[in-house]
PDB file of N, CA and C in Angstrom:
ATOM      1  N   MET A   1      -5.956 -13.402   4.632  1.00  0.00           N
ATOM      2  CA  MET A   1      -5.174 -12.397   3.930  1.00  0.00           C
ATOM      3  C   MET A   1      -4.725 -12.940   2.576  1.00  0.00           C
ATOM      4  N   GLY A   2      -4.665 -12.055   1.638  1.00  0.00           N
ATOM      5  CA  GLY A   2      -4.201 -12.447   0.321  1.00  0.00           C
ATOM      6  C   GLY A   2      -2.688 -12.426   0.244  1.00  0.00           C
ATOM      7  N   ILE A   3      -2.173 -12.964  -0.812  1.00  0.00           N
ATOM      8  CA  ILE A   3      -0.728 -13.030  -0.996  1.00  0.00           C
ATOM      9  C   ILE A   3      -0.123 -11.631  -1.095  1.00  0.00           C
ATOM     10  N   ARG A   4      -0.855 -10.705  -1.728  1.00  0.00           N
ATOM     11  CA  ARG A   4      -0.334  -9.335  -1.856  1.00  0.00           C
ATOM     12  C   ARG A   4      -0.219  -8.668  -0.491  1.00  0.00           C
ATOM     13  N   THR A   5      -1.208  -8.887   0.361  1.00  0.00           N
ATOM     14  CA  THR A   5      -1.177  -8.321   1.702  1.00  0.00           C
ATOM     15  C   THR A   5      -0.023  -8.921   2.497  1.00  0.00           C
ATOM     16  N   THR A   6       0.141 -10.226   2.392  1.00  0.00           N
ATOM     17  CA  THR A   6       1.221 -10.912   3.091  1.00  0.00           C
ATOM     18  C   THR A   6       2.580 -10.394   2.636  1.00  0.00           C
ATOM     19  N   LEU A   7       2.738 -10.216   1.335  1.00  0.00           N
ATOM     20  CA  LEU A   7       4.001  -9.699   0.805  1.00  0.00           C
ATOM     21  C   LEU A   7       4.243  -8.255   1.241  1.00  0.00           C
ATOM     22  N   ALA A   8       3.187  -7.456   1.260  1.00  0.00           N
ATOM     23  CA  ALA A   8       3.315  -6.061   1.690  1.00  0.00           C
ATOM     24  C   ALA A   8       3.734  -5.989   3.153  1.00  0.00           C
ATOM     25  N   ILE A   9       3.137  -6.822   3.977  1.00  0.00           N
ATOM     26  CA  ILE A   9       3.494  -6.852   5.401  1.00  0.00           C
ATOM     27  C   ILE A   9       4.944  -7.297   5.573  1.00  0.00           C
ATOM     28  N   ALA A  10       5.361  -8.301   4.836  1.00  0.00           N
ATOM     29  CA  ALA A  10       6.743  -8.778   4.914  1.00  0.00           C
ATOM     30  C   ALA A  10       7.714  -7.674   4.509  1.00  0.00           C
ATOM     31  N   GLN A  11       7.374  -6.921   3.466  1.00  0.00           N
ATOM     32  CA  GLN A  11       8.242  -5.823   3.011  1.00  0.00           C
ATOM     33  C   GLN A  11       8.316  -4.726   4.064  1.00  0.00           C
ATOM     34  N   LEU A  12       7.187  -4.399   4.681  1.00  0.00           N
ATOM     35  CA  LEU A  12       7.181  -3.384   5.734  1.00  0.00           C
ATOM     36  C   LEU A  12       8.006  -3.820   6.929  1.00  0.00           C
ATOM     37  N   LYS A  13       7.891  -5.082   7.301  1.00  0.00           N
ATOM     38  CA  LYS A  13       8.680  -5.594   8.419  1.00  0.00           C
ATOM     39  C   LYS A  13      10.170  -5.512   8.110  1.00  0.00           C
ATOM     40  N   LEU A  14      10.541  -5.868   6.889  1.00  0.00           N
ATOM     41  CA  LEU A  14      11.944  -5.807   6.479  1.00  0.00           C
ATOM     42  C   LEU A  14      12.457  -4.371   6.538  1.00  0.00           C
ATOM     43  N   SER A  15      11.672  -3.439   6.017  1.00  0.00           N
ATOM     44  CA  SER A  15      12.069  -2.029   6.044  1.00  0.00           C
ATOM     45  C   SER A  15      12.205  -1.530   7.476  1.00  0.00           C
ATOM     46  N   TYR A  16      11.252  -1.883   8.321  1.00  0.00           N
ATOM     47  CA  TYR A  16      11.290  -1.473   9.716  1.00  0.00           C
ATOM     48  C   TYR A  16      12.527  -2.036  10.410  1.00  0.00           C
ATOM     49  N   ASN A  17      12.805  -3.306  10.193  1.00  0.00           N
ATOM     50  CA  ASN A  17      13.948  -3.935  10.847  1.00  0.00           C
ATOM     51  C   ASN A  17      15.274  -3.342  10.376  1.00  0.00           C
ATOM     52  N   LYS A  18      15.372  -2.997   9.094  1.00  0.00           N
ATOM     53  CA  LYS A  18      16.592  -2.364   8.587  1.00  0.00           C
ATOM     54  C   LYS A  18      16.797  -1.002   9.226  1.00  0.00           C
ATOM     55  N   ALA A  19      15.729  -0.221   9.341  1.00  0.00           N
ATOM     56  CA  ALA A  19      15.823   1.098   9.963  1.00  0.00           C
ATOM     57  C   ALA A  19      16.182   0.970  11.439  1.00  0.00           C
ATOM     58  N   ARG A  20      15.593   0.005  12.105  1.00  0.00           N
ATOM     59  CA  ARG A  20      15.878  -0.223  13.528  1.00  0.00           C
ATOM     60  C   ARG A  20      17.332  -0.623  13.718  1.00  0.00           C
ATOM     61  N   GLN A  21      17.831  -1.503  12.867  1.00  0.00           N
ATOM     62  CA  GLN A  21      19.219  -1.949  12.969  1.00  0.00           C
ATOM     63  C   GLN A  21      20.178  -0.792  12.710  1.00  0.00           C
ATOM     64  N   ALA A  22      19.852   0.072  11.754  1.00  0.00           N
ATOM     65  CA  ALA A  22      20.696   1.239  11.477  1.00  0.00           C
ATOM     66  C   ALA A  22      20.736   2.156  12.688  1.00  0.00           C
ATOM     67  N   SER A  23      19.612   2.330  13.341  1.00  0.00           N
ATOM     68  CA  SER A  23      19.551   3.174  14.538  1.00  0.00           C
ATOM     69  C   SER A  23      20.395   2.589  15.665  1.00  0.00           C
ATOM     70  N   ILE A  24      20.297   1.293  15.867  1.00  0.00           N
ATOM     71  CA  ILE A  24      21.085   0.616  16.905  1.00  0.00           C
ATOM     72  C   ILE A  24      22.571   0.739  16.606  1.00  0.00           C
ATOM     73  N   THR A  25      22.942   0.532  15.342  1.00  0.00           N
ATOM     74  CA  THR A  25      24.341   0.640  14.941  1.00  0.00           C
ATOM     75  C   THR A  25      24.873   2.047  15.206  1.00  0.00           C
ATOM     76  N   ASN A  26      24.088   3.067  14.874  1.00  0.00           N
ATOM     77  CA  ASN A  26      24.509   4.443  15.120  1.00  0.00           C
ATOM     78  C   ASN A  26      24.701   4.719  16.604  1.00  0.00           C
ATOM     79  N   GLU A  27      23.814   4.192  17.436  1.00  0.00           N
ATOM     80  CA  GLU A  27      23.956   4.386  18.872  1.00  0.00           C
ATOM     81  C   GLU A  27      25.236   3.719  19.390  1.00  0.00           C
ATOM     82  N   ILE A  28      25.523   2.521  18.908  1.00  0.00           N
ATOM     83  CA  ILE A  28      26.742   1.823  19.321  1.00  0.00           C
ATOM     84  C   ILE A  28      27.970   2.622  18.905  1.00  0.00           C
ATOM     85  N   LEU A  29      27.960   3.160  17.680  1.00  0.00           N
ATOM     86  CA  LEU A  29      29.086   3.960  17.212  1.00  0.00           C
ATOM     87  C   LEU A  29      29.273   5.208  18.070  1.00  0.00           C
ATOM     88  N   GLU A  30      28.189   5.837  18.488  1.00  0.00           N
ATOM     89  CA  GLU A  30      28.294   7.007  19.353  1.00  0.00           C
ATOM     90  C   GLU A  30      28.891   6.639  20.709  1.00  0.00           C
ATOM     91  N   ILE A  31      28.481   5.515  21.250  1.00  0.00           N
ATOM     92  CA  ILE A  31      28.997   5.071  22.545  1.00  0.00           C
ATOM     93  C   ILE A  31      30.495   4.767  22.441  1.00  0.00           C
ATOM     94  N   VAL A  32      30.865   4.035  21.405  1.00  0.00           N
ATOM     95  CA  VAL A  32      32.276   3.684  21.212  1.00  0.00           C
ATOM     96  C   VAL A  32      33.106   4.941  20.978  1.00  0.00           C
ATOM     97  N   GLY A  33      32.585   5.861  20.175  1.00  0.00           N
ATOM     98  CA  GLY A  33      33.286   7.116  19.925  1.00  0.00           C
ATOM     99  C   GLY A  33      33.458   7.938  21.183  1.00  0.00           C
ATOM    100  N   GLY A  34      32.425   7.984  22.006  1.00  0.00           N
ATOM    101  CA  GLY A  34      32.509   8.709  23.276  1.00  0.00           C
ATOM    102  C   GLY A  34      33.512   8.084  24.212  1.00  0.00           C
ATOM    103  N   ALA A  35      33.548   6.783  24.279  1.00  0.00           N
ATOM    104  CA  ALA A  35      34.521   6.082  25.124  1.00  0.00           C
ATOM    105  C   ALA A  35      35.931   6.340  24.649  1.00  0.00           C
ATOM    106  N   ALA A  36      36.139   6.333  23.342  1.00  0.00           N
ATOM    107  CA  ALA A  36      37.476   6.595  22.789  1.00  0.00           C
ATOM    108  C   ALA A  36      37.903   8.018  23.100  1.00  0.00           C
ATOM    109  N   ALA A  37      36.968   8.958  23.012  1.00  0.00           N
ATOM    110  CA  ALA A  37      37.292  10.357  23.319  1.00  0.00           C
ATOM    111  C   ALA A  37      37.664  10.513  24.788  1.00  0.00           C
ATOM    112  N   LEU A  38      36.992   9.798  25.672  1.00  0.00           N
ATOM    113  CA  LEU A  38      37.319   9.875  27.090  1.00  0.00           C
ATOM    114  C   LEU A  38      38.703   9.306  27.384  1.00  0.00           C
ATOM    115  N   GLU A  39      39.062   8.235  26.685  1.00  0.00           N
ATOM    116  CA  GLU A  39      40.385   7.633  26.877  1.00  0.00           C
ATOM    117  C   GLU A  39      41.490   8.571  26.423  1.00  0.00           C
ATOM    118  N   GLU A  40      41.250   9.297  25.329  1.00  0.00           N
ATOM    119  CA  GLU A  40      42.258  10.215  24.796  1.00  0.00           C
ATOM    120  C   GLU A  40      42.362  11.479  25.634  1.00  0.00           C
ATOM    121  N   GLY A  41      41.230  11.911  26.169  1.00  0.00           N
ATOM    122  CA  GLY A  41      41.180  13.186  26.879  1.00  0.00           C
ATOM    123  C   GLY A  41      41.613  13.036  28.267  1.00  0.00           C
TER     124      GLY A  41
END
């Protein structure tokens, strides 16, 4: 593989991991929010 291909793959992996982390964070926030709502209700 050439350097450009390697860099492109690295950039795609970074983008994928950022999107995955954002999704995980959102799920955690939903769980915490739901738990807080149950405690109040």
